[in-house]
Protein backbone atom coordinates (compact mmCIF):
# COMPACT_ATOMS: atom_id res chain seq x y z
CA UNK A 1 -4.68 21.01 -28.43
CA UNK A 2 -4.83 23.06 -25.25
CA UNK A 3 -1.89 24.45 -23.33
CA UNK A 4 -0.83 22.02 -20.53
CA UNK A 5 -1.73 23.09 -17.02
CA UNK A 6 1.07 23.61 -14.50
CA UNK A 7 0.28 20.26 -12.82
CA UNK A 8 0.46 18.30 -16.05
CA UNK A 9 3.69 20.09 -16.89
CA UNK A 10 5.03 18.83 -13.54
CA UNK A 11 4.21 15.30 -14.70
CA UNK A 12 6.13 15.95 -17.92
CA UNK A 13 9.08 17.36 -15.98
CA UNK A 14 9.06 14.27 -13.74
CA UNK A 15 9.12 12.00 -16.80
CA UNK A 16 12.17 13.92 -17.96
CA UNK A 17 13.92 13.19 -14.68
CA UNK A 18 13.35 16.42 -12.76
CA UNK A 19 13.30 15.44 -9.03
CA UNK A 20 11.87 18.84 -8.06
CA UNK A 21 8.77 18.09 -10.12
CA UNK A 22 8.10 14.94 -8.10
CA UNK A 23 8.52 16.87 -4.85
CA UNK A 24 6.12 19.58 -6.05
CA UNK A 25 3.49 17.04 -7.10
CA UNK A 26 3.80 15.29 -3.75
CA UNK A 27 3.54 18.57 -1.84
CA UNK A 28 0.49 19.62 -3.83
CA UNK A 29 -1.51 16.39 -3.46
CA UNK A 30 -0.23 14.51 -0.37
CA UNK A 31 -2.43 16.09 2.30
CA UNK A 32 -5.65 15.73 0.28
CA UNK A 33 -4.83 12.16 -0.71
CA UNK A 34 -4.10 11.33 2.91
CA UNK A 35 -7.63 12.43 3.84
CA UNK A 36 -9.04 10.30 1.01
CA UNK A 37 -7.05 7.28 2.22
CA UNK A 38 -8.22 7.72 5.81
CA UNK A 39 -11.83 7.49 4.63
CA UNK A 40 -11.07 3.96 3.42
CA UNK A 41 -9.04 2.81 6.43
CA UNK A 42 -11.01 1.04 9.13
CA UNK A 43 -10.89 2.59 12.60
CA UNK A 44 -9.63 -0.78 13.84
CA UNK A 45 -6.52 -0.27 11.72
CA UNK A 46 -5.84 3.25 13.00
CA UNK A 47 -3.05 2.04 15.29
CA UNK A 48 -1.30 0.25 12.45
CA UNK A 49 -1.98 2.25 9.33
CA UNK A 50 -2.27 5.94 8.60
CA UNK A 51 -3.28 7.84 5.49
CA UNK A 52 0.30 9.03 5.11
CA UNK A 53 1.50 5.42 4.82
CA UNK A 54 -0.94 4.83 1.97
CA UNK A 55 0.02 8.08 0.25
CA UNK A 56 3.71 7.12 0.29
CA UNK A 57 2.80 3.90 -1.49
CA UNK A 58 0.53 5.77 -3.93
CA UNK A 59 3.30 8.10 -5.01
CA UNK A 60 5.87 5.30 -5.30
CA UNK A 61 3.51 3.51 -7.67
CA UNK A 62 2.51 6.66 -9.54
CA UNK A 63 6.07 7.89 -10.08
CA UNK A 64 7.32 4.46 -11.15
CA UNK A 65 4.49 3.87 -13.59
CA UNK A 66 4.61 7.46 -14.84
CA UNK A 67 8.32 7.14 -15.58
CA UNK A 68 7.60 3.93 -17.48
CA UNK A 69 5.11 5.87 -19.61
CA UNK A 70 2.01 3.97 -18.48
CA UNK A 71 -0.12 7.09 -17.97
CA UNK A 72 -1.41 9.59 -20.51
CA UNK A 73 -2.45 12.62 -18.47
CA UNK A 74 -3.93 15.57 -20.33
CA UNK A 75 -5.40 17.63 -17.48
CA UNK A 76 -5.09 18.24 -13.78
CA UNK A 77 -8.57 16.70 -13.36
CA UNK A 78 -7.32 13.45 -14.93
CA UNK A 79 -4.26 13.52 -12.69
CA UNK A 80 -6.40 14.00 -9.57
CA UNK A 81 -8.81 11.21 -10.61
CA UNK A 82 -5.90 8.85 -11.23
CA UNK A 83 -4.26 9.61 -7.88
CA UNK A 84 -7.58 9.18 -6.03
CA UNK A 85 -8.19 5.85 -7.76
CA UNK A 86 -4.70 4.58 -6.84
CA UNK A 87 -5.20 5.83 -3.27
CA UNK A 88 -8.52 4.01 -2.84
CA UNK A 89 -7.11 0.79 -4.27
CA UNK A 90 -4.01 1.00 -2.04
CA UNK A 91 -6.07 1.76 1.09
CA UNK A 92 -8.36 -1.19 0.44
CA UNK A 93 -5.40 -3.48 -0.28
CA UNK A 94 -3.71 -2.43 2.96
CA UNK A 95 -6.98 -3.05 4.81
CA UNK A 96 -7.13 -6.58 3.39
CA UNK A 97 -3.47 -7.14 4.23
CA UNK A 98 -3.93 -6.08 7.85
CA UNK A 99 -7.01 -8.24 8.36
CA UNK A 100 -5.53 -11.39 6.81
CA UNK A 101 -4.66 -14.43 8.93
CA UNK A 102 -1.97 -13.70 11.54
CA UNK A 103 -1.99 -9.96 10.89
CA UNK A 104 -5.69 -9.68 11.69
CA UNK A 105 -6.15 -6.59 13.83
CA UNK A 106 -9.52 -7.91 15.01
CA UNK A 107 -7.89 -10.73 17.00
CA UNK A 108 -5.24 -8.62 18.67
CA UNK A 109 -5.38 -8.35 22.41
CA UNK A 110 -4.34 -5.22 24.21
CA UNK A 111 -0.58 -5.27 23.88
CA UNK A 112 -0.69 -8.55 21.94
CA UNK A 113 2.53 -9.81 20.40
CA UNK A 114 3.96 -6.30 20.52
CA UNK A 115 4.72 -6.80 24.23
CA UNK A 116 7.04 -9.75 23.70
CA UNK A 117 10.09 -7.63 24.49
CA UNK A 118 8.54 -6.16 27.63
CA UNK A 119 7.56 -9.64 28.86
CA UNK A 120 11.12 -10.86 28.27
CA UNK A 121 12.46 -8.16 30.58
CA UNK A 122 10.13 -8.65 33.55
CA UNK A 123 12.92 -9.86 35.82
CA UNK A 124 16.55 -8.93 36.25
CA UNK A 125 18.92 -11.29 34.44
CA UNK A 126 21.86 -12.93 36.13
CA UNK A 127 25.40 -12.10 34.96
CA UNK A 128 25.55 -14.96 32.45
CA UNK A 129 22.10 -14.15 31.08
CA UNK A 130 23.05 -10.49 30.76
CA UNK A 131 26.12 -11.34 28.65
CA UNK A 132 24.08 -13.71 26.46
CA UNK A 133 21.38 -11.08 26.05
CA UNK A 134 23.89 -8.39 25.06
CA UNK A 135 25.45 -10.75 22.50
CA UNK A 136 22.02 -11.54 21.05
CA UNK A 137 21.06 -7.87 20.88
CA UNK A 138 24.35 -7.05 19.14
CA UNK A 139 23.78 -9.82 16.58
CA UNK A 140 20.15 -8.80 16.19
CA UNK A 141 21.01 -5.18 15.40
CA UNK A 142 24.02 -5.90 13.19
CA UNK A 143 23.64 -4.10 9.87
CA UNK A 144 20.37 -2.40 10.77
CA UNK A 145 19.77 1.37 10.70
CA UNK A 146 20.04 3.38 13.91
CA UNK A 147 16.23 3.73 13.95
CA UNK A 148 15.89 0.02 14.75
CA UNK A 149 18.33 0.40 17.65
CA UNK A 150 16.31 3.29 19.07
CA UNK A 151 13.03 1.38 18.65
CA UNK A 152 14.45 -1.60 20.52
CA UNK A 153 15.94 0.60 23.23
CA UNK A 154 12.69 2.49 23.81
CA UNK A 155 10.59 -0.67 23.69
CA UNK A 156 12.84 -2.36 26.23
CA UNK A 157 12.43 0.74 28.39
CA UNK A 158 8.69 0.10 28.44
CA UNK A 159 7.51 2.75 25.96
CA UNK A 160 4.38 2.08 23.92
CA UNK A 161 4.40 2.05 20.12
CA UNK A 162 2.60 5.40 20.05
CA UNK A 163 5.18 6.92 22.43
CA UNK A 164 8.07 5.56 20.36
CA UNK A 165 6.55 6.88 17.13
CA UNK A 166 6.05 10.31 18.67
CA UNK A 167 9.53 10.44 20.18
CA UNK A 168 11.24 9.33 16.93
CA UNK A 169 8.90 11.42 14.77
CA UNK A 170 7.85 8.47 12.60
CA UNK A 171 4.53 6.78 11.84
CA UNK A 172 3.40 3.99 14.15
CA UNK A 173 3.55 1.67 11.13
CA UNK A 174 7.30 2.36 10.91
CA UNK A 175 7.71 1.28 14.53
CA UNK A 176 5.63 -1.85 13.91
CA UNK A 177 7.75 -2.69 10.86
CA UNK A 178 10.98 -2.24 12.83
CA UNK A 179 9.66 -4.40 15.67
CA UNK A 180 8.48 -7.05 13.21
CA UNK A 181 11.89 -7.20 11.55
CA UNK A 182 13.59 -7.46 14.94
CA UNK A 183 11.21 -10.22 15.98
CA UNK A 184 11.82 -12.16 12.74
CA UNK A 185 15.58 -11.86 13.17
CA UNK A 186 15.32 -13.02 16.75
CA UNK A 187 13.22 -16.06 15.78
CA UNK A 188 15.74 -16.97 13.05
CA UNK A 189 18.62 -16.79 15.50
CA UNK A 190 16.97 -19.20 17.94
């Protein structure tokens, strides 16, 4: 039997619970896997999904399944092949998810549903409406992380999703997820 390569020894260290090993594996492969993922993401999905989003999912799956002992990895080539395969499958699955029914990126209009907050603020509210709005916003944000508050604040100020993502230093998908959660909460409260 051959001596394990440093990358396969990182896998072993991860299985033994070493968090640094997981960070090293991620650092070593993330950028290359992101480029692989982007090859399988439609240009139409570019505003919603990035290679980095797919790679995060790839490593969550890989680390979970690796810890459970599902993978027998004997070489760095096997490790790379496995990560590429998971990446391709995840990218395709995300593509299907984002083109299914109501999420279909192909039927979005410029702005689309994402402008629901901007449309709601087209006119100045009266005093009673302002109090009701503040109460609803407070209830809407209750228990949510500060990121959601900032997303809502910036969106109400008229910033685009891309601008919000850049300002908060997060992926656009993170902004979309926050807005989606806020929208769901708002619909449930009505």
